[in-house]
Amino acid sequence: METTANNDHPLRLQRKSGRVQVLFEGHLIADSGDVLVLNEADLTPVFYFPRQDVEMEKLVQNDIVTHCPYKGDARHFTVLRDGVMIERFAWSYDRPNAEASGLAERIAFYPEHVDFHEIAAAPGEQRAVGADADPRVDEVVQHTDSGSGASQKDHWEPNVGEPELRDDEDPDGPPDRGVGSI
């Protein structure tokens, strides 16, 4: 997806296939199929989650700010759950350096405090994101409801016909006759 030109400290950002869930003390904190994995030099890979897929109401931004010369300034978040408070629980780069721009507004978690559960993508499943998108996505999306209650394009031709009447059915009678409804 994105790789820096810095040979001494390379940053490589890739989209994770499937879903990743984050649990803290058994409670779901994040669940996303849009996780980015940062492979940074020889460090352990880190998962970054979009904020909309994180239970942000469980996190409180604190005063801790750390600086990475390769990524920029990271704000940190505290969690308080079931009487457990951890100040350095998660972090986020609001305005990362250009070489780490894909991390903007995403949240990462300290792995010593959470459990990550990776859920593999179903066979044939693809995510419609960026250059990896299935070329048929635009066509399918345009045939769906835009929120106005109507399709954005003319409907496709039906791929099934009307059900056939049974011999004992009256074509002008109620459609639910004989199915146990009142």
N, C-alpha and C. Protein backbone atom coordinates (compact mmCIF):
# COMPACT_ATOMS: atom_id res chain seq x y z
N MET A 1 0.83 -1.19 0.00
CA MET A 1 0.00 0.00 0.00
C MET A 1 0.88 1.25 0.00
N GLU A 2 1.68 1.44 1.03
CA GLU A 2 2.49 2.64 1.13
C GLU A 2 3.81 2.25 1.78
N THR A 3 4.92 2.62 1.16
CA THR A 3 6.24 2.34 1.71
C THR A 3 7.08 3.60 1.60
N THR A 4 7.84 3.91 2.65
CA THR A 4 8.68 5.11 2.62
C THR A 4 9.97 4.81 1.89
N ALA A 5 10.64 5.88 1.50
CA ALA A 5 11.91 5.76 0.79
C ALA A 5 13.09 5.73 1.75
N ASN A 6 12.84 5.84 3.06
CA ASN A 6 13.90 5.85 4.06
C ASN A 6 14.44 4.44 4.24
N ASN A 7 15.64 4.18 3.71
CA ASN A 7 16.22 2.84 3.80
C ASN A 7 16.70 2.50 5.19
N ASP A 8 17.05 3.52 6.01
CA ASP A 8 17.54 3.26 7.37
C ASP A 8 16.41 2.89 8.32
N HIS A 9 15.23 3.40 8.07
CA HIS A 9 14.09 3.14 8.95
C HIS A 9 12.81 3.07 8.10
N PRO A 10 12.63 1.99 7.34
CA PRO A 10 11.47 1.92 6.44
C PRO A 10 10.15 1.77 7.19
N LEU A 11 9.13 2.42 6.65
CA LEU A 11 7.75 2.28 7.14
C LEU A 11 6.94 1.68 6.00
N ARG A 12 6.24 0.60 6.27
CA ARG A 12 5.40 -0.03 5.25
C ARG A 12 4.01 -0.21 5.82
N LEU A 13 3.02 0.39 5.19
CA LEU A 13 1.64 0.36 5.64
C LEU A 13 0.83 -0.50 4.68
N GLN A 14 0.16 -1.53 5.23
CA GLN A 14 -0.64 -2.44 4.41
C GLN A 14 -2.02 -2.62 5.03
N ARG A 15 -3.00 -2.90 4.18
CA ARG A 15 -4.34 -3.20 4.66
C ARG A 15 -4.37 -4.66 5.11
N LYS A 16 -4.95 -4.92 6.26
CA LYS A 16 -5.08 -6.27 6.82
C LYS A 16 -6.32 -6.92 6.22
N SER A 17 -6.17 -8.15 5.73
CA SER A 17 -7.36 -8.84 5.23
C SER A 17 -8.14 -9.40 6.42
N GLY A 18 -9.43 -9.53 6.27
CA GLY A 18 -10.27 -10.03 7.35
C GLY A 18 -10.57 -8.94 8.37
N ARG A 19 -10.97 -9.38 9.55
CA ARG A 19 -11.34 -8.46 10.64
C ARG A 19 -10.37 -8.64 11.80
N VAL A 20 -10.26 -7.60 12.61
CA VAL A 20 -9.49 -7.69 13.84
C VAL A 20 -10.35 -7.10 14.96
N GLN A 21 -10.43 -7.83 16.05
CA GLN A 21 -11.13 -7.35 17.24
C GLN A 21 -10.11 -7.11 18.34
N VAL A 22 -10.39 -6.11 19.18
CA VAL A 22 -9.55 -5.79 20.32
C VAL A 22 -10.38 -5.96 21.57
N LEU A 23 -9.89 -6.78 22.51
CA LEU A 23 -10.58 -6.99 23.78
C LEU A 23 -9.70 -6.54 24.93
N PHE A 24 -10.32 -5.85 25.89
CA PHE A 24 -9.65 -5.43 27.11
C PHE A 24 -10.45 -6.00 28.27
N GLU A 25 -9.79 -6.85 29.07
CA GLU A 25 -10.46 -7.49 30.21
C GLU A 25 -11.76 -8.18 29.76
N GLY A 26 -11.74 -8.74 28.55
CA GLY A 26 -12.89 -9.46 28.02
C GLY A 26 -13.93 -8.58 27.35
N HIS A 27 -13.74 -7.27 27.35
CA HIS A 27 -14.70 -6.33 26.75
C HIS A 27 -14.21 -5.91 25.37
N LEU A 28 -15.12 -5.90 24.41
CA LEU A 28 -14.79 -5.49 23.05
C LEU A 28 -14.55 -3.98 23.01
N ILE A 29 -13.37 -3.58 22.57
CA ILE A 29 -13.00 -2.17 22.47
C ILE A 29 -12.98 -1.71 21.01
N ALA A 30 -12.64 -2.61 20.11
CA ALA A 30 -12.60 -2.27 18.68
C ALA A 30 -12.92 -3.52 17.86
N ASP A 31 -13.54 -3.30 16.71
CA ASP A 31 -13.88 -4.39 15.80
C ASP A 31 -13.91 -3.78 14.40
N SER A 32 -12.99 -4.21 13.54
CA SER A 32 -12.91 -3.57 12.23
C SER A 32 -12.43 -4.51 11.14
N GLY A 33 -12.96 -4.29 9.96
CA GLY A 33 -12.47 -4.94 8.75
C GLY A 33 -11.64 -3.97 7.92
N ASP A 34 -11.30 -2.82 8.52
CA ASP A 34 -10.52 -1.78 7.84
C ASP A 34 -9.28 -1.45 8.67
N VAL A 35 -8.49 -2.47 8.98
CA VAL A 35 -7.30 -2.30 9.81
C VAL A 35 -6.07 -2.15 8.94
N LEU A 36 -5.23 -1.18 9.30
CA LEU A 36 -3.95 -1.01 8.62
C LEU A 36 -2.86 -1.56 9.53
N VAL A 37 -1.88 -2.22 8.91
CA VAL A 37 -0.76 -2.79 9.66
C VAL A 37 0.48 -1.98 9.29
N LEU A 38 1.14 -1.44 10.32
CA LEU A 38 2.38 -0.71 10.10
C LEU A 38 3.55 -1.63 10.43
N ASN A 39 4.37 -1.89 9.42
CA ASN A 39 5.63 -2.61 9.60
C ASN A 39 6.71 -1.54 9.57
N GLU A 40 7.33 -1.31 10.72
CA GLU A 40 8.29 -0.24 10.87
C GLU A 40 9.66 -0.81 11.21
N ALA A 41 10.60 -0.64 10.29
CA ALA A 41 11.97 -1.14 10.48
C ALA A 41 11.93 -2.57 11.00
N ASP A 42 12.60 -2.84 12.12
CA ASP A 42 12.60 -4.20 12.67
C ASP A 42 11.70 -4.32 13.90
N LEU A 43 10.74 -3.38 14.06
CA LEU A 43 9.81 -3.41 15.19
C LEU A 43 8.65 -4.36 14.92
N THR A 44 7.96 -4.75 15.98
CA THR A 44 6.77 -5.60 15.86
C THR A 44 5.69 -4.84 15.08
N PRO A 45 5.01 -5.49 14.13
CA PRO A 45 3.93 -4.82 13.39
C PRO A 45 2.84 -4.32 14.34
N VAL A 46 2.22 -3.19 13.98
CA VAL A 46 1.20 -2.55 14.80
C VAL A 46 -0.07 -2.39 13.98
N PHE A 47 -1.23 -2.74 14.61
CA PHE A 47 -2.55 -2.57 13.98
C PHE A 47 -3.06 -1.17 14.27
N TYR A 48 -3.58 -0.49 13.24
CA TYR A 48 -4.20 0.83 13.38
C TYR A 48 -5.65 0.72 12.93
N PHE A 49 -6.57 1.16 13.80
CA PHE A 49 -8.02 1.04 13.58
C PHE A 49 -8.64 2.40 13.29
N PRO A 50 -9.62 2.47 12.38
CA PRO A 50 -10.34 3.73 12.18
C PRO A 50 -11.13 4.06 13.45
N ARG A 51 -11.20 5.32 13.79
CA ARG A 51 -11.89 5.72 15.03
C ARG A 51 -13.34 5.26 15.08
N GLN A 52 -14.02 5.24 13.94
CA GLN A 52 -15.43 4.85 13.97
C GLN A 52 -15.61 3.39 14.35
N ASP A 53 -14.55 2.59 14.31
CA ASP A 53 -14.63 1.18 14.69
C ASP A 53 -14.09 0.92 16.09
N VAL A 54 -13.83 2.00 16.84
CA VAL A 54 -13.29 1.91 18.20
C VAL A 54 -14.33 2.49 19.16
N GLU A 55 -14.50 1.86 20.31
CA GLU A 55 -15.41 2.37 21.35
C GLU A 55 -14.74 3.58 22.00
N MET A 56 -14.75 4.72 21.29
CA MET A 56 -14.04 5.92 21.74
C MET A 56 -14.58 6.45 23.06
N GLU A 57 -15.84 6.17 23.38
CA GLU A 57 -16.40 6.66 24.65
C GLU A 57 -15.76 5.96 25.85
N LYS A 58 -15.05 4.86 25.61
CA LYS A 58 -14.35 4.15 26.69
C LYS A 58 -12.94 4.71 26.91
N LEU A 59 -12.47 5.53 25.96
CA LEU A 59 -11.12 6.08 26.02
C LEU A 59 -11.18 7.58 26.34
N VAL A 60 -10.20 8.04 27.09
CA VAL A 60 -10.11 9.45 27.43
C VAL A 60 -8.73 9.94 27.01
N GLN A 61 -8.71 11.01 26.20
CA GLN A 61 -7.43 11.57 25.80
C GLN A 61 -6.76 12.16 27.04
N ASN A 62 -5.47 11.86 27.21
CA ASN A 62 -4.75 12.41 28.36
C ASN A 62 -3.70 13.41 27.88
N ASP A 63 -2.83 13.86 28.77
CA ASP A 63 -1.83 14.87 28.43
C ASP A 63 -0.54 14.29 27.85
N ILE A 64 -0.45 12.99 27.74
CA ILE A 64 0.78 12.36 27.25
C ILE A 64 0.87 12.52 25.73
N VAL A 65 2.00 13.07 25.30
CA VAL A 65 2.29 13.20 23.87
C VAL A 65 3.71 12.68 23.68
N THR A 66 3.88 11.76 22.75
CA THR A 66 5.21 11.26 22.44
C THR A 66 5.56 11.65 21.01
N HIS A 67 6.85 11.69 20.73
CA HIS A 67 7.28 12.10 19.39
C HIS A 67 8.11 10.99 18.75
N CYS A 68 7.80 10.68 17.51
CA CYS A 68 8.57 9.75 16.70
C CYS A 68 9.10 10.56 15.52
N PRO A 69 10.41 10.54 15.27
CA PRO A 69 10.94 11.32 14.15
C PRO A 69 10.43 10.84 12.79
N TYR A 70 9.89 9.63 12.72
CA TYR A 70 9.42 9.08 11.44
C TYR A 70 7.92 9.24 11.24
N LYS A 71 7.16 9.26 12.35
CA LYS A 71 5.70 9.32 12.25
C LYS A 71 5.11 10.64 12.74
N GLY A 72 5.74 11.29 13.70
CA GLY A 72 5.24 12.55 14.22
C GLY A 72 4.85 12.45 15.68
N ASP A 73 3.93 13.34 16.12
CA ASP A 73 3.49 13.39 17.51
C ASP A 73 2.26 12.52 17.71
N ALA A 74 2.33 11.69 18.75
CA ALA A 74 1.21 10.79 19.07
C ALA A 74 0.55 11.24 20.37
N ARG A 75 -0.76 11.37 20.34
CA ARG A 75 -1.55 11.63 21.55
C ARG A 75 -1.90 10.28 22.16
N HIS A 76 -1.98 10.23 23.46
CA HIS A 76 -2.27 8.96 24.15
C HIS A 76 -3.63 9.00 24.82
N PHE A 77 -4.16 7.82 25.05
CA PHE A 77 -5.49 7.66 25.63
C PHE A 77 -5.42 6.75 26.85
N THR A 78 -6.26 7.09 27.83
CA THR A 78 -6.41 6.31 29.05
C THR A 78 -7.70 5.51 28.94
N VAL A 79 -7.70 4.33 29.55
CA VAL A 79 -8.92 3.54 29.64
C VAL A 79 -9.20 3.31 31.12
N LEU A 80 -10.47 3.35 31.49
CA LEU A 80 -10.92 3.00 32.84
C LEU A 80 -12.10 2.06 32.67
N ARG A 81 -11.89 0.83 33.09
CA ARG A 81 -12.94 -0.18 32.90
C ARG A 81 -12.85 -1.17 34.05
N ASP A 82 -13.97 -1.43 34.69
CA ASP A 82 -14.03 -2.41 35.77
C ASP A 82 -12.97 -2.14 36.84
N GLY A 83 -12.77 -0.86 37.16
CA GLY A 83 -11.82 -0.48 38.21
C GLY A 83 -10.37 -0.51 37.79
N VAL A 84 -10.08 -0.78 36.53
CA VAL A 84 -8.71 -0.80 36.04
C VAL A 84 -8.48 0.46 35.20
N MET A 85 -7.43 1.23 35.56
CA MET A 85 -7.10 2.42 34.78
C MET A 85 -5.68 2.28 34.22
N ILE A 86 -5.56 2.50 32.91
CA ILE A 86 -4.27 2.42 32.24
C ILE A 86 -4.11 3.69 31.42
N GLU A 87 -3.07 4.48 31.75
CA GLU A 87 -2.86 5.75 31.05
C GLU A 87 -2.35 5.58 29.63
N ARG A 88 -1.40 4.71 29.44
CA ARG A 88 -0.87 4.47 28.09
C ARG A 88 -1.52 3.21 27.53
N PHE A 89 -2.77 3.39 27.14
CA PHE A 89 -3.57 2.27 26.64
C PHE A 89 -3.60 2.26 25.11
N ALA A 90 -3.69 3.45 24.52
CA ALA A 90 -3.79 3.58 23.07
C ALA A 90 -3.15 4.89 22.66
N TRP A 91 -2.88 5.02 21.35
CA TRP A 91 -2.32 6.27 20.83
C TRP A 91 -2.84 6.52 19.43
N SER A 92 -2.66 7.79 18.99
CA SER A 92 -3.15 8.19 17.69
C SER A 92 -2.30 9.33 17.15
N TYR A 93 -2.08 9.32 15.84
CA TYR A 93 -1.38 10.41 15.15
C TYR A 93 -2.44 11.23 14.43
N ASP A 94 -2.76 12.40 14.96
CA ASP A 94 -3.76 13.24 14.29
C ASP A 94 -3.22 13.84 13.00
N ARG A 95 -1.96 14.30 13.05
CA ARG A 95 -1.32 14.88 11.87
C ARG A 95 0.07 14.26 11.73
N PRO A 96 0.12 13.02 11.24
CA PRO A 96 1.42 12.36 11.12
C PRO A 96 2.28 13.00 10.03
N ASN A 97 3.58 12.69 10.08
CA ASN A 97 4.49 13.12 9.02
C ASN A 97 3.99 12.56 7.68
N ALA A 98 4.41 13.17 6.60
CA ALA A 98 3.95 12.78 5.27
C ALA A 98 4.16 11.29 4.98
N GLU A 99 5.29 10.73 5.42
CA GLU A 99 5.57 9.32 5.11
C GLU A 99 4.68 8.36 5.90
N ALA A 100 3.94 8.87 6.90
CA ALA A 100 3.03 8.03 7.68
C ALA A 100 1.60 8.57 7.60
N SER A 101 1.28 9.29 6.54
CA SER A 101 -0.02 9.97 6.43
C SER A 101 -1.22 9.03 6.53
N GLY A 102 -1.06 7.78 6.17
CA GLY A 102 -2.16 6.81 6.25
C GLY A 102 -2.60 6.51 7.67
N LEU A 103 -1.82 6.92 8.67
CA LEU A 103 -2.16 6.67 10.07
C LEU A 103 -3.06 7.75 10.66
N ALA A 104 -3.29 8.82 9.93
CA ALA A 104 -4.07 9.95 10.45
C ALA A 104 -5.42 9.49 10.99
N GLU A 105 -5.72 9.94 12.20
CA GLU A 105 -7.02 9.69 12.85
C GLU A 105 -7.31 8.21 13.10
N ARG A 106 -6.28 7.39 13.14
CA ARG A 106 -6.45 5.97 13.48
C ARG A 106 -5.91 5.74 14.88
N ILE A 107 -6.38 4.68 15.51
CA ILE A 107 -6.01 4.35 16.88
C ILE A 107 -5.24 3.03 16.90
N ALA A 108 -4.16 3.01 17.68
CA ALA A 108 -3.39 1.78 17.92
C ALA A 108 -3.41 1.50 19.42
N PHE A 109 -3.30 0.23 19.79
CA PHE A 109 -3.37 -0.18 21.19
C PHE A 109 -2.06 -0.82 21.63
N TYR A 110 -1.69 -0.55 22.88
CA TYR A 110 -0.51 -1.21 23.44
C TYR A 110 -0.85 -2.69 23.61
N PRO A 111 -0.10 -3.58 22.96
CA PRO A 111 -0.45 -5.01 22.97
C PRO A 111 -0.36 -5.67 24.34
N GLU A 112 0.37 -5.10 25.28
CA GLU A 112 0.45 -5.71 26.61
C GLU A 112 -0.83 -5.53 27.41
N HIS A 113 -1.76 -4.68 26.93
CA HIS A 113 -3.00 -4.42 27.66
C HIS A 113 -4.24 -5.04 27.02
N VAL A 114 -4.13 -5.51 25.80
CA VAL A 114 -5.31 -6.00 25.08
C VAL A 114 -5.02 -7.35 24.42
N ASP A 115 -6.09 -7.99 24.00
CA ASP A 115 -6.00 -9.21 23.20
C ASP A 115 -6.51 -8.88 21.81
N PHE A 116 -5.76 -9.28 20.80
CA PHE A 116 -6.17 -9.10 19.42
C PHE A 116 -6.72 -10.44 18.91
N HIS A 117 -7.88 -10.39 18.28
CA HIS A 117 -8.46 -11.59 17.67
C HIS A 117 -8.60 -11.32 16.18
N GLU A 118 -7.84 -12.07 15.39
CA GLU A 118 -7.90 -11.91 13.95
C GLU A 118 -8.91 -12.90 13.38
N ILE A 119 -9.80 -12.40 12.55
CA ILE A 119 -10.84 -13.21 11.92
C ILE A 119 -10.57 -13.18 10.42
N ALA A 120 -10.25 -14.32 9.88
CA ALA A 120 -9.89 -14.40 8.46
C ALA A 120 -11.05 -13.98 7.57
N ALA A 121 -10.73 -13.43 6.43
CA ALA A 121 -11.73 -13.07 5.43
C ALA A 121 -12.32 -14.35 4.86
N ALA A 122 -13.60 -14.30 4.55
CA ALA A 122 -14.26 -15.43 3.91
C ALA A 122 -13.68 -15.63 2.52
N PRO A 123 -13.65 -16.86 2.02
CA PRO A 123 -13.12 -17.09 0.66
C PRO A 123 -13.84 -16.19 -0.35
N GLY A 124 -13.06 -15.51 -1.16
CA GLY A 124 -13.63 -14.64 -2.19
C GLY A 124 -14.04 -13.27 -1.70
N GLU A 125 -13.97 -13.01 -0.38
CA GLU A 125 -14.38 -11.72 0.16
C GLU A 125 -13.33 -10.67 -0.17
N GLN A 126 -13.79 -9.52 -0.63
CA GLN A 126 -12.90 -8.41 -0.91
C GLN A 126 -13.46 -7.16 -0.26
N ARG A 127 -12.57 -6.25 0.12
CA ARG A 127 -12.98 -4.95 0.64
C ARG A 127 -12.85 -3.93 -0.47
N ALA A 128 -13.85 -3.10 -0.58
CA ALA A 128 -13.84 -2.06 -1.61
C ALA A 128 -13.13 -0.83 -1.09
N VAL A 129 -11.80 -0.85 -1.15
CA VAL A 129 -11.01 0.27 -0.65
C VAL A 129 -9.88 0.54 -1.62
N GLY A 130 -9.77 1.77 -2.05
CA GLY A 130 -8.64 2.21 -2.86
C GLY A 130 -8.38 1.35 -4.08
N ALA A 131 -7.10 1.16 -4.36
CA ALA A 131 -6.70 0.43 -5.56
C ALA A 131 -7.04 -1.05 -5.49
N ASP A 132 -7.31 -1.55 -4.27
CA ASP A 132 -7.65 -2.96 -4.11
C ASP A 132 -9.12 -3.24 -4.41
N ALA A 133 -9.89 -2.22 -4.75
CA ALA A 133 -11.33 -2.37 -4.89
C ALA A 133 -11.70 -3.27 -6.06
N ASP A 134 -12.77 -4.02 -5.89
CA ASP A 134 -13.34 -4.84 -6.95
C ASP A 134 -13.91 -3.87 -7.99
N PRO A 135 -13.57 -3.99 -9.25
CA PRO A 135 -14.04 -3.03 -10.26
C PRO A 135 -15.55 -3.02 -10.42
N ARG A 136 -16.26 -4.04 -9.94
CA ARG A 136 -17.71 -4.08 -10.06
C ARG A 136 -18.42 -3.30 -8.96
N VAL A 137 -17.67 -2.83 -7.95
CA VAL A 137 -18.28 -2.19 -6.79
C VAL A 137 -19.11 -0.97 -7.19
N ASP A 138 -18.56 -0.08 -8.02
CA ASP A 138 -19.30 1.11 -8.40
C ASP A 138 -20.64 0.76 -9.04
N GLU A 139 -20.64 -0.24 -9.90
CA GLU A 139 -21.88 -0.65 -10.56
C GLU A 139 -22.90 -1.14 -9.54
N VAL A 140 -22.47 -1.95 -8.59
CA VAL A 140 -23.39 -2.48 -7.59
C VAL A 140 -23.89 -1.38 -6.68
N VAL A 141 -23.01 -0.50 -6.23
CA VAL A 141 -23.40 0.58 -5.32
C VAL A 141 -24.41 1.51 -5.99
N GLN A 142 -24.27 1.78 -7.27
CA GLN A 142 -25.18 2.67 -7.96
C GLN A 142 -26.59 2.09 -8.08
N HIS A 143 -26.71 0.81 -7.89
CA HIS A 143 -28.02 0.18 -7.95
C HIS A 143 -28.64 0.01 -6.57
N THR A 144 -28.03 0.63 -5.57
CA THR A 144 -28.57 0.54 -4.22
C THR A 144 -29.17 1.87 -3.81
N ASP A 145 -29.86 1.87 -2.71
CA ASP A 145 -30.51 3.05 -2.17
C ASP A 145 -29.46 4.07 -1.73
N SER A 146 -29.57 5.29 -2.20
CA SER A 146 -28.61 6.35 -1.84
C SER A 146 -28.97 6.99 -0.51
N GLY A 147 -30.04 6.55 0.13
CA GLY A 147 -30.53 7.17 1.35
C GLY A 147 -31.81 7.92 1.11
N SER A 148 -32.14 8.14 -0.15
CA SER A 148 -33.36 8.87 -0.50
C SER A 148 -34.58 7.95 -0.57
N GLY A 149 -34.34 6.65 -0.51
CA GLY A 149 -35.42 5.70 -0.64
C GLY A 149 -35.56 5.17 -2.06
N ALA A 150 -34.72 5.63 -2.96
CA ALA A 150 -34.79 5.20 -4.36
C ALA A 150 -33.41 4.78 -4.83
N SER A 151 -33.38 3.87 -5.79
CA SER A 151 -32.13 3.43 -6.38
C SER A 151 -31.49 4.59 -7.13
N GLN A 152 -30.17 4.59 -7.19
CA GLN A 152 -29.46 5.65 -7.90
C GLN A 152 -29.48 5.43 -9.41
N LYS A 153 -29.80 4.24 -9.86
CA LYS A 153 -29.89 3.92 -11.28
C LYS A 153 -31.16 3.10 -11.49
N ASP A 154 -31.52 2.92 -12.77
CA ASP A 154 -32.67 2.06 -13.06
C ASP A 154 -32.41 0.67 -12.52
N HIS A 155 -33.47 0.04 -12.05
CA HIS A 155 -33.34 -1.30 -11.49
C HIS A 155 -32.90 -2.30 -12.55
N TRP A 156 -32.17 -3.30 -12.12
CA TRP A 156 -31.82 -4.39 -13.01
C TRP A 156 -33.09 -5.19 -13.31
N GLU A 157 -33.03 -5.90 -14.42
CA GLU A 157 -34.15 -6.79 -14.75
C GLU A 157 -34.25 -7.86 -13.66
N PRO A 158 -35.48 -8.26 -13.28
CA PRO A 158 -35.61 -9.31 -12.26
C PRO A 158 -35.01 -10.62 -12.75
N ASN A 159 -34.41 -11.36 -11.79
CA ASN A 159 -33.84 -12.65 -12.17
C ASN A 159 -34.72 -13.81 -11.72
N VAL A 160 -35.92 -13.50 -11.21
CA VAL A 160 -36.91 -14.53 -10.86
C VAL A 160 -38.27 -14.05 -11.34
N GLY A 161 -39.16 -14.98 -11.57
CA GLY A 161 -40.50 -14.64 -12.01
C GLY A 161 -41.48 -14.66 -10.84
N GLU A 162 -42.73 -14.40 -11.15
CA GLU A 162 -43.79 -14.46 -10.14
C GLU A 162 -44.00 -15.92 -9.73
N PRO A 163 -44.37 -16.15 -8.47
CA PRO A 163 -44.63 -17.53 -8.05
C PRO A 163 -45.86 -18.08 -8.77
N GLU A 164 -45.81 -19.36 -9.03
CA GLU A 164 -46.96 -20.01 -9.69
C GLU A 164 -48.02 -20.34 -8.65
N LEU A 165 -49.30 -20.23 -9.08
CA LEU A 165 -50.41 -20.56 -8.19
C LEU A 165 -50.56 -22.07 -8.11
N ARG A 166 -50.91 -22.52 -6.90
CA ARG A 166 -51.24 -23.94 -6.74
C ARG A 166 -52.63 -24.17 -7.33
N ASP A 167 -52.94 -25.40 -7.63
CA ASP A 167 -54.24 -25.72 -8.22
C ASP A 167 -55.40 -25.31 -7.34
N ASP A 168 -55.23 -25.36 -6.00
CA ASP A 168 -56.34 -25.06 -5.08
C ASP A 168 -56.39 -23.59 -4.68
N GLU A 169 -55.54 -22.72 -5.27
CA GLU A 169 -55.52 -21.29 -4.91
C GLU A 169 -56.45 -20.49 -5.80
N ASP A 170 -57.10 -19.51 -5.20
CA ASP A 170 -57.95 -18.57 -5.92
C ASP A 170 -57.06 -17.37 -6.29
N PRO A 171 -56.88 -17.05 -7.57
CA PRO A 171 -56.00 -15.95 -7.95
C PRO A 171 -56.45 -14.60 -7.39
N ASP A 172 -57.74 -14.47 -7.07
CA ASP A 172 -58.24 -13.21 -6.53
C ASP A 172 -58.37 -13.24 -5.01
N GLY A 173 -58.04 -14.37 -4.38
CA GLY A 173 -58.16 -14.51 -2.93
C GLY A 173 -56.95 -13.93 -2.20
N PRO A 174 -57.01 -13.91 -0.87
CA PRO A 174 -55.88 -13.38 -0.10
C PRO A 174 -54.63 -14.26 -0.28
N PRO A 175 -53.47 -13.63 -0.35
CA PRO A 175 -52.24 -14.37 -0.61
C PRO A 175 -51.81 -15.27 0.55
N ASP A 176 -52.36 -15.03 1.72
CA ASP A 176 -51.93 -15.82 2.88
C ASP A 176 -52.88 -16.97 3.22
N ARG A 177 -53.83 -17.26 2.36
CA ARG A 177 -54.79 -18.35 2.63
C ARG A 177 -54.03 -19.69 2.66
N GLY A 178 -54.32 -20.46 3.70
CA GLY A 178 -53.76 -21.78 3.81
C GLY A 178 -52.34 -21.83 4.39
N VAL A 179 -51.84 -20.71 4.90
CA VAL A 179 -50.49 -20.74 5.45
C VAL A 179 -50.49 -20.60 6.97
N GLY A 180 -51.64 -20.69 7.60
CA GLY A 180 -51.72 -20.67 9.05
C GLY A 180 -51.85 -19.28 9.64
N SER A 181 -52.02 -18.25 8.83
CA SER A 181 -52.18 -16.90 9.39
C SER A 181 -53.64 -16.67 9.74
N ILE A 182 -53.87 -15.72 10.57
CA ILE A 182 -55.24 -15.43 11.03
C ILE A 182 -55.82 -14.28 10.25
